[in-house]
Protein backbone atom coordinates (compact mmCIF):
# COMPACT_ATOMS: atom_id res chain seq x y z
CA MET A 1 -24.44 -8.20 9.37
CA ILE A 2 -22.83 -7.36 12.68
CA ALA A 3 -19.03 -7.07 12.84
CA TYR A 4 -17.07 -6.44 16.00
CA MET A 5 -13.58 -6.63 17.49
CA LEU A 6 -12.61 -7.82 20.96
CA PHE A 7 -9.89 -5.44 22.15
CA GLU A 8 -9.17 -7.03 25.52
CA ASP A 9 -9.17 -10.65 24.32
CA THR A 10 -5.74 -11.86 25.41
CA LYS A 11 -6.62 -15.56 25.08
CA GLN A 12 -6.88 -15.54 21.28
CA HIS A 13 -3.76 -16.38 19.36
CA ASN A 14 -5.07 -15.42 15.93
CA LYS A 15 -3.79 -12.46 14.00
CA PRO A 16 -5.90 -9.26 14.22
CA HIS A 17 -9.45 -10.17 13.28
CA ILE A 18 -13.13 -9.34 13.50
CA HIS A 19 -16.10 -11.49 14.45
CA VAL A 20 -19.09 -11.41 12.11
CA HIS A 21 -22.68 -12.50 12.76
CA TYR A 22 -25.14 -12.82 9.90
CA GLY A 23 -28.37 -14.63 10.67
CA ASP A 24 -27.36 -18.13 11.76
CA PHE A 25 -23.85 -17.71 10.35
CA ARG A 26 -20.79 -16.87 12.45
CA ALA A 27 -17.28 -16.19 11.17
CA VAL A 28 -13.91 -14.91 12.30
CA ILE A 29 -12.15 -12.94 9.57
CA ALA A 30 -8.60 -11.59 9.74
CA VAL A 31 -8.14 -7.90 8.97
CA ASP A 32 -6.29 -8.98 5.81
CA GLY A 33 -9.48 -10.81 4.66
CA GLU A 34 -8.53 -14.40 5.51
CA LEU A 35 -11.41 -16.51 6.84
CA LEU A 36 -10.05 -17.92 10.11
CA ALA A 37 -13.12 -19.77 11.39
CA GLY A 38 -16.79 -20.32 10.67
CA SER A 39 -18.57 -19.43 7.46
CA LEU A 40 -20.62 -16.78 5.70
CA PRO A 41 -22.56 -16.86 2.44
CA ASN A 42 -20.28 -15.83 -0.45
CA ARG A 43 -22.00 -12.48 -1.00
CA GLN A 44 -21.65 -11.42 2.65
CA LEU A 45 -18.04 -12.65 2.77
CA LYS A 46 -17.23 -10.50 -0.27
CA ILE A 47 -18.94 -7.49 1.32
CA ILE A 48 -17.04 -7.79 4.61
CA THR A 49 -13.66 -8.49 2.98
CA GLY A 50 -14.20 -5.52 0.67
CA TRP A 51 -15.04 -3.35 3.67
CA LEU A 52 -11.90 -4.56 5.45
CA ALA A 53 -9.79 -3.75 2.39
CA VAL A 54 -11.13 -0.19 2.28
CA TYR A 55 -10.86 0.43 6.04
CA GLU A 56 -7.86 -1.80 6.88
CA GLU A 57 -5.73 1.09 8.14
CA GLU A 58 -8.49 2.34 10.45
CA VAL A 59 -9.21 -1.17 11.74
CA TYR A 60 -5.55 -1.69 12.66
CA LYS A 61 -5.61 1.63 14.56
CA ALA A 62 -8.67 0.54 16.60
């Protein structure tokens, strides 16, 4: 899984989020864990939302 943030993206109107690539899957997930766009297999979605819950404070600082 590859997760990344776009810091200079001023065209997006979504709340703070990350982009996730996993094989052929693509998703946009809010820092609070909400799936904003795309899809991931359930297991990978649980992994990334769990990671966001643990590191939410650090992600908001980024």
